[in-house]
Amino acid sequence: MSSIDEVKAEIKKLSPRATNMKMALHDLSEDLPINWNKIMTVAQETYDAYAALEEARQRLKALEDA
């Protein structure tokens, strides 16, 4: 099992990635209909980034509660 510090470091890496993907999705939406065919790819990458971040946050909470 990961230590609290390791999970915090992971969250520190995942958070900017999730924010960057959010901005990429936002930028894509502003440029529509240009690059409309990239919607699903960017949306999936954004979803994956936030899913990983949420999973890490839940692991951190579980470690802190233990």
PDB file of N, CA and C in Angstrom:
ATOM      1  N   MET A   1       0.847  -1.187   0.000  1.00  0.00           N
ATOM      2  CA  MET A   1       0.000   0.000   0.000  1.00  0.00           C
ATOM      3  C   MET A   1       0.890   1.247   0.000  1.00  0.00           C
ATOM      4  N   SER A   2       0.418   2.291  -0.658  1.00  0.00           N
ATOM      5  CA  SER A   2       1.177   3.527  -0.787  1.00  0.00           C
ATOM      6  C   SER A   2       1.150   4.328   0.497  1.00  0.00           C
ATOM      7  N   SER A   3       2.205   5.076   0.703  1.00  0.00           N
ATOM      8  CA  SER A   3       2.228   5.962   1.860  1.00  0.00           C
ATOM      9  C   SER A   3       1.468   7.241   1.527  1.00  0.00           C
ATOM     10  N   ILE A   4       1.122   7.962   2.558  1.00  0.00           N
ATOM     11  CA  ILE A   4       0.395   9.223   2.385  1.00  0.00           C
ATOM     12  C   ILE A   4       1.206  10.186   1.523  1.00  0.00           C
ATOM     13  N   ASP A   5       2.507  10.268   1.763  1.00  0.00           N
ATOM     14  CA  ASP A   5       3.344  11.194   0.992  1.00  0.00           C
ATOM     15  C   ASP A   5       3.398  10.808  -0.483  1.00  0.00           C
ATOM     16  N   GLU A   6       3.429   9.511  -0.761  1.00  0.00           N
ATOM     17  CA  GLU A   6       3.459   9.060  -2.154  1.00  0.00           C
ATOM     18  C   GLU A   6       2.162   9.418  -2.870  1.00  0.00           C
ATOM     19  N   VAL A   7       1.044   9.241  -2.196  1.00  0.00           N
ATOM     20  CA  VAL A   7      -0.246   9.556  -2.810  1.00  0.00           C
ATOM     21  C   VAL A   7      -0.390  11.063  -2.988  1.00  0.00           C
ATOM     22  N   LYS A   8       0.081  11.844  -2.026  1.00  0.00           N
ATOM     23  CA  LYS A   8       0.046  13.303  -2.170  1.00  0.00           C
ATOM     24  C   LYS A   8       0.885  13.740  -3.366  1.00  0.00           C
ATOM     25  N   ALA A   9       2.030  13.119  -3.573  1.00  0.00           N
ATOM     26  CA  ALA A   9       2.882  13.442  -4.717  1.00  0.00           C
ATOM     27  C   ALA A   9       2.177  13.065  -6.023  1.00  0.00           C
ATOM     28  N   GLU A  10       1.489  11.938  -6.016  1.00  0.00           N
ATOM     29  CA  GLU A  10       0.746  11.520  -7.196  1.00  0.00           C
ATOM     30  C   GLU A  10      -0.365  12.517  -7.517  1.00  0.00           C
ATOM     31  N   ILE A  11      -1.074  12.963  -6.486  1.00  0.00           N
ATOM     32  CA  ILE A  11      -2.141  13.949  -6.674  1.00  0.00           C
ATOM     33  C   ILE A  11      -1.564  15.253  -7.213  1.00  0.00           C
ATOM     34  N   LYS A  12      -0.405  15.615  -6.721  1.00  0.00           N
ATOM     35  CA  LYS A  12       0.250  16.842  -7.178  1.00  0.00           C
ATOM     36  C   LYS A  12       0.575  16.772  -8.671  1.00  0.00           C
ATOM     37  N   LYS A  13       0.863  15.582  -9.176  1.00  0.00           N
ATOM     38  CA  LYS A  13       1.129  15.399 -10.608  1.00  0.00           C
ATOM     39  C   LYS A  13      -0.162  15.311 -11.415  1.00  0.00           C
ATOM     40  N   LEU A  14      -1.168  14.646 -10.853  1.00  0.00           N
ATOM     41  CA  LEU A  14      -2.414  14.432 -11.583  1.00  0.00           C
ATOM     42  C   LEU A  14      -3.263  15.692 -11.694  1.00  0.00           C
ATOM     43  N   SER A  15      -3.221  16.544 -10.688  1.00  0.00           N
ATOM     44  CA  SER A  15      -4.060  17.735 -10.675  1.00  0.00           C
ATOM     45  C   SER A  15      -3.792  18.678 -11.853  1.00  0.00           C
ATOM     46  N   PRO A  16      -2.536  19.022 -12.135  1.00  0.00           N
ATOM     47  CA  PRO A  16      -2.296  19.895 -13.297  1.00  0.00           C
ATOM     48  C   PRO A  16      -2.683  19.230 -14.623  1.00  0.00           C
ATOM     49  N   ARG A  17      -2.505  17.920 -14.712  1.00  0.00           N
ATOM     50  CA  ARG A  17      -2.895  17.216 -15.938  1.00  0.00           C
ATOM     51  C   ARG A  17      -4.401  17.321 -16.141  1.00  0.00           C
ATOM     52  N   ALA A  18      -5.161  17.128 -15.079  1.00  0.00           N
ATOM     53  CA  ALA A  18      -6.614  17.235 -15.175  1.00  0.00           C
ATOM     54  C   ALA A  18      -7.027  18.655 -15.562  1.00  0.00           C
ATOM     55  N   THR A  19      -6.384  19.633 -14.975  1.00  0.00           N
ATOM     56  CA  THR A  19      -6.690  21.027 -15.301  1.00  0.00           C
ATOM     57  C   THR A  19      -6.350  21.328 -16.753  1.00  0.00           C
ATOM     58  N   ASN A  20      -5.219  20.827 -17.226  1.00  0.00           N
ATOM     59  CA  ASN A  20      -4.830  21.039 -18.627  1.00  0.00           C
ATOM     60  C   ASN A  20      -5.840  20.404 -19.582  1.00  0.00           C
ATOM     61  N   MET A  21      -6.315  19.226 -19.233  1.00  0.00           N
ATOM     62  CA  MET A  21      -7.304  18.562 -20.086  1.00  0.00           C
ATOM     63  C   MET A  21      -8.630  19.318 -20.062  1.00  0.00           C
ATOM     64  N   LYS A  22      -8.987  19.859 -18.914  1.00  0.00           N
ATOM     65  CA  LYS A  22     -10.207  20.665 -18.825  1.00  0.00           C
ATOM     66  C   LYS A  22     -10.104  21.865 -19.757  1.00  0.00           C
ATOM     67  N   MET A  23      -8.949  22.503 -19.760  1.00  0.00           N
ATOM     68  CA  MET A  23      -8.748  23.662 -20.625  1.00  0.00           C
ATOM     69  C   MET A  23      -8.738  23.261 -22.099  1.00  0.00           C
ATOM     70  N   ALA A  24      -8.164  22.088 -22.410  1.00  0.00           N
ATOM     71  CA  ALA A  24      -8.158  21.613 -23.794  1.00  0.00           C
ATOM     72  C   ALA A  24      -9.589  21.371 -24.275  1.00  0.00           C
ATOM     73  N   LEU A  25     -10.409  20.802 -23.411  1.00  0.00           N
ATOM     74  CA  LEU A  25     -11.812  20.564 -23.760  1.00  0.00           C
ATOM     75  C   LEU A  25     -12.549  21.890 -23.934  1.00  0.00           C
ATOM     76  N   HIS A  26     -12.273  22.813 -23.062  1.00  0.00           N
ATOM     77  CA  HIS A  26     -12.886  24.148 -23.159  1.00  0.00           C
ATOM     78  C   HIS A  26     -12.476  24.841 -24.454  1.00  0.00           C
ATOM     79  N   ASP A  27     -11.179  24.817 -24.752  1.00  0.00           N
ATOM     80  CA  ASP A  27     -10.687  25.452 -25.979  1.00  0.00           C
ATOM     81  C   ASP A  27     -11.302  24.805 -27.215  1.00  0.00           C
ATOM     82  N   LEU A  28     -11.405  23.485 -27.193  1.00  0.00           N
ATOM     83  CA  LEU A  28     -12.016  22.775 -28.314  1.00  0.00           C
ATOM     84  C   LEU A  28     -13.463  23.224 -28.492  1.00  0.00           C
ATOM     85  N   SER A  29     -14.186  23.361 -27.399  1.00  0.00           N
ATOM     86  CA  SER A  29     -15.595  23.761 -27.499  1.00  0.00           C
ATOM     87  C   SER A  29     -15.751  25.173 -28.057  1.00  0.00           C
ATOM     88  N   GLU A  30     -14.814  26.031 -27.745  1.00  0.00           N
ATOM     89  CA  GLU A  30     -14.886  27.405 -28.257  1.00  0.00           C
ATOM     90  C   GLU A  30     -14.637  27.480 -29.753  1.00  0.00           C
ATOM     91  N   ASP A  31     -13.885  26.516 -30.288  1.00  0.00           N
ATOM     92  CA  ASP A  31     -13.533  26.533 -31.705  1.00  0.00           C
ATOM     93  C   ASP A  31     -14.507  25.756 -32.584  1.00  0.00           C
ATOM     94  N   LEU A  32     -15.515  25.157 -31.972  1.00  0.00           N
ATOM     95  CA  LEU A  32     -16.465  24.379 -32.768  1.00  0.00           C
ATOM     96  C   LEU A  32     -17.127  25.260 -33.817  1.00  0.00           C
ATOM     97  N   PRO A  33     -17.375  24.750 -34.999  1.00  0.00           N
ATOM     98  CA  PRO A  33     -17.318  23.366 -35.437  1.00  0.00           C
ATOM     99  C   PRO A  33     -15.943  22.898 -35.937  1.00  0.00           C
ATOM    100  N   ILE A  34     -14.947  23.754 -35.864  1.00  0.00           N
ATOM    101  CA  ILE A  34     -13.598  23.317 -36.250  1.00  0.00           C
ATOM    102  C   ILE A  34     -13.154  22.225 -35.288  1.00  0.00           C
ATOM    103  N   ASN A  35     -12.540  21.199 -35.809  1.00  0.00           N
ATOM    104  CA  ASN A  35     -12.022  20.056 -35.043  1.00  0.00           C
ATOM    105  C   ASN A  35     -13.098  19.311 -34.263  1.00  0.00           C
ATOM    106  N   TRP A  36     -14.326  19.333 -34.732  1.00  0.00           N
ATOM    107  CA  TRP A  36     -15.410  18.628 -34.059  1.00  0.00           C
ATOM    108  C   TRP A  36     -15.104  17.146 -33.894  1.00  0.00           C
ATOM    109  N   ASN A  37     -14.302  16.592 -34.829  1.00  0.00           N
ATOM    110  CA  ASN A  37     -13.995  15.161 -34.783  1.00  0.00           C
ATOM    111  C   ASN A  37     -13.047  14.791 -33.649  1.00  0.00           C
ATOM    112  N   LYS A  38     -12.510  15.755 -32.938  1.00  0.00           N
ATOM    113  CA  LYS A  38     -11.626  15.484 -31.802  1.00  0.00           C
ATOM    114  C   LYS A  38     -12.384  15.482 -30.463  1.00  0.00           C
ATOM    115  N   ILE A  39     -13.680  15.762 -30.501  1.00  0.00           N
ATOM    116  CA  ILE A  39     -14.462  15.880 -29.269  1.00  0.00           C
ATOM    117  C   ILE A  39     -14.350  14.620 -28.412  1.00  0.00           C
ATOM    118  N   MET A  40     -14.591  13.475 -28.993  1.00  0.00           N
ATOM    119  CA  MET A  40     -14.606  12.234 -28.207  1.00  0.00           C
ATOM    120  C   MET A  40     -13.225  11.916 -27.623  1.00  0.00           C
ATOM    121  N   THR A  41     -12.173  12.163 -28.374  1.00  0.00           N
ATOM    122  CA  THR A  41     -10.817  11.889 -27.893  1.00  0.00           C
ATOM    123  C   THR A  41     -10.463  12.787 -26.721  1.00  0.00           C
ATOM    124  N   VAL A  42     -10.686  14.076 -26.887  1.00  0.00           N
ATOM    125  CA  VAL A  42     -10.350  15.030 -25.826  1.00  0.00           C
ATOM    126  C   VAL A  42     -11.242  14.810 -24.606  1.00  0.00           C
ATOM    127  N   ALA A  43     -12.504  14.530 -24.841  1.00  0.00           N
ATOM    128  CA  ALA A  43     -13.418  14.283 -23.725  1.00  0.00           C
ATOM    129  C   ALA A  43     -12.999  13.030 -22.952  1.00  0.00           C
ATOM    130  N   GLN A  44     -12.605  11.970 -23.648  1.00  0.00           N
ATOM    131  CA  GLN A  44     -12.182  10.747 -22.968  1.00  0.00           C
ATOM    132  C   GLN A  44     -10.902  10.979 -22.170  1.00  0.00           C
ATOM    133  N   GLU A  45      -9.966  11.712 -22.740  1.00  0.00           N
ATOM    134  CA  GLU A  45      -8.721  12.024 -22.029  1.00  0.00           C
ATOM    135  C   GLU A  45      -9.006  12.868 -20.787  1.00  0.00           C
ATOM    136  N   THR A  46      -9.943  13.790 -20.897  1.00  0.00           N
ATOM    137  CA  THR A  46     -10.332  14.622 -19.754  1.00  0.00           C
ATOM    138  C   THR A  46     -10.989  13.760 -18.680  1.00  0.00           C
ATOM    139  N   TYR A  47     -11.879  12.898 -19.095  1.00  0.00           N
ATOM    140  CA  TYR A  47     -12.541  11.983 -18.165  1.00  0.00           C
ATOM    141  C   TYR A  47     -11.520  11.109 -17.450  1.00  0.00           C
ATOM    142  N   ASP A  48     -10.592  10.540 -18.202  1.00  0.00           N
ATOM    143  CA  ASP A  48      -9.571   9.669 -17.623  1.00  0.00           C
ATOM    144  C   ASP A  48      -8.696  10.412 -16.618  1.00  0.00           C
ATOM    145  N   ALA A  49      -8.350  11.655 -16.936  1.00  0.00           N
ATOM    146  CA  ALA A  49      -7.509  12.449 -16.041  1.00  0.00           C
ATOM    147  C   ALA A  49      -8.235  12.719 -14.725  1.00  0.00           C
ATOM    148  N   TYR A  50      -9.508  13.083 -14.804  1.00  0.00           N
ATOM    149  CA  TYR A  50     -10.263  13.350 -13.583  1.00  0.00           C
ATOM    150  C   TYR A  50     -10.583  12.073 -12.814  1.00  0.00           C
ATOM    151  N   ALA A  51     -10.777  10.972 -13.522  1.00  0.00           N
ATOM    152  CA  ALA A  51     -11.021   9.689 -12.843  1.00  0.00           C
ATOM    153  C   ALA A  51      -9.783   9.270 -12.051  1.00  0.00           C
ATOM    154  N   ALA A  52      -8.612   9.436 -12.644  1.00  0.00           N
ATOM    155  CA  ALA A  52      -7.368   9.088 -11.954  1.00  0.00           C
ATOM    156  C   ALA A  52      -7.157   9.990 -10.739  1.00  0.00           C
ATOM    157  N   LEU A  53      -7.444  11.269 -10.895  1.00  0.00           N
ATOM    158  CA  LEU A  53      -7.304  12.217  -9.791  1.00  0.00           C
ATOM    159  C   LEU A  53      -8.262  11.870  -8.652  1.00  0.00           C
ATOM    160  N   GLU A  54      -9.503  11.574  -8.982  1.00  0.00           N
ATOM    161  CA  GLU A  54     -10.481  11.224  -7.952  1.00  0.00           C
ATOM    162  C   GLU A  54     -10.104   9.931  -7.240  1.00  0.00           C
ATOM    163  N   GLU A  55      -9.614   8.963  -7.985  1.00  0.00           N
ATOM    164  CA  GLU A  55      -9.196   7.693  -7.383  1.00  0.00           C
ATOM    165  C   GLU A  55      -8.038   7.915  -6.404  1.00  0.00           C
ATOM    166  N   ALA A  56      -7.094   8.758  -6.789  1.00  0.00           N
ATOM    167  CA  ALA A  56      -5.967   9.062  -5.908  1.00  0.00           C
ATOM    168  C   ALA A  56      -6.443   9.803  -4.657  1.00  0.00           C
ATOM    169  N   ARG A  57      -7.378  10.715  -4.822  1.00  0.00           N
ATOM    170  CA  ARG A  57      -7.915  11.442  -3.663  1.00  0.00           C
ATOM    171  C   ARG A  57      -8.637  10.500  -2.710  1.00  0.00           C
ATOM    172  N   GLN A  58      -9.347   9.520  -3.246  1.00  0.00           N
ATOM    173  CA  GLN A  58     -10.023   8.546  -2.397  1.00  0.00           C
ATOM    174  C   GLN A  58      -9.019   7.665  -1.659  1.00  0.00           C
ATOM    175  N   ARG A  59      -7.932   7.285  -2.334  1.00  0.00           N
ATOM    176  CA  ARG A  59      -6.892   6.499  -1.673  1.00  0.00           C
ATOM    177  C   ARG A  59      -6.255   7.302  -0.550  1.00  0.00           C
ATOM    178  N   LEU A  60      -6.013   8.603  -0.791  1.00  0.00           N
ATOM    179  CA  LEU A  60      -5.436   9.462   0.231  1.00  0.00           C
ATOM    180  C   LEU A  60      -6.367   9.548   1.442  1.00  0.00           C
ATOM    181  N   LYS A  61      -7.651   9.741   1.190  1.00  0.00           N
ATOM    182  CA  LYS A  61      -8.614   9.815   2.287  1.00  0.00           C
ATOM    183  C   LYS A  61      -8.626   8.513   3.091  1.00  0.00           C
ATOM    184  N   ALA A  62      -8.574   7.393   2.397  1.00  0.00           N
ATOM    185  CA  ALA A  62      -8.567   6.100   3.085  1.00  0.00           C
ATOM    186  C   ALA A  62      -7.309   5.944   3.942  1.00  0.00           C
ATOM    187  N   LEU A  63      -6.178   6.392   3.426  1.00  0.00           N
ATOM    188  CA  LEU A  63      -4.932   6.304   4.204  1.00  0.00           C
ATOM    189  C   LEU A  63      -4.981   7.222   5.413  1.00  0.00           C
ATOM    190  N   GLU A  64      -5.526   8.404   5.238  1.00  0.00           N
ATOM    191  CA  GLU A  64      -5.601   9.356   6.343  1.00  0.00           C
ATOM    192  C   GLU A  64      -6.588   8.898   7.409  1.00  0.00           C
ATOM    193  N   ASP A  65      -7.644   8.215   6.997  1.00  0.00           N
ATOM    194  CA  ASP A  65      -8.660   7.736   7.931  1.00  0.00           C
ATOM    195  C   ASP A  65      -8.214   6.481   8.674  1.00  0.00           C
ATOM    196  N   ALA A  66      -7.218   5.805   8.123  1.00  0.00           N
ATOM    197  CA  ALA A  66      -6.764   4.536   8.727  1.00  0.00           C
ATOM    198  C   ALA A  66      -5.940   4.768   9.968  1.00  0.00           C
TER     199      ALA A  66
END
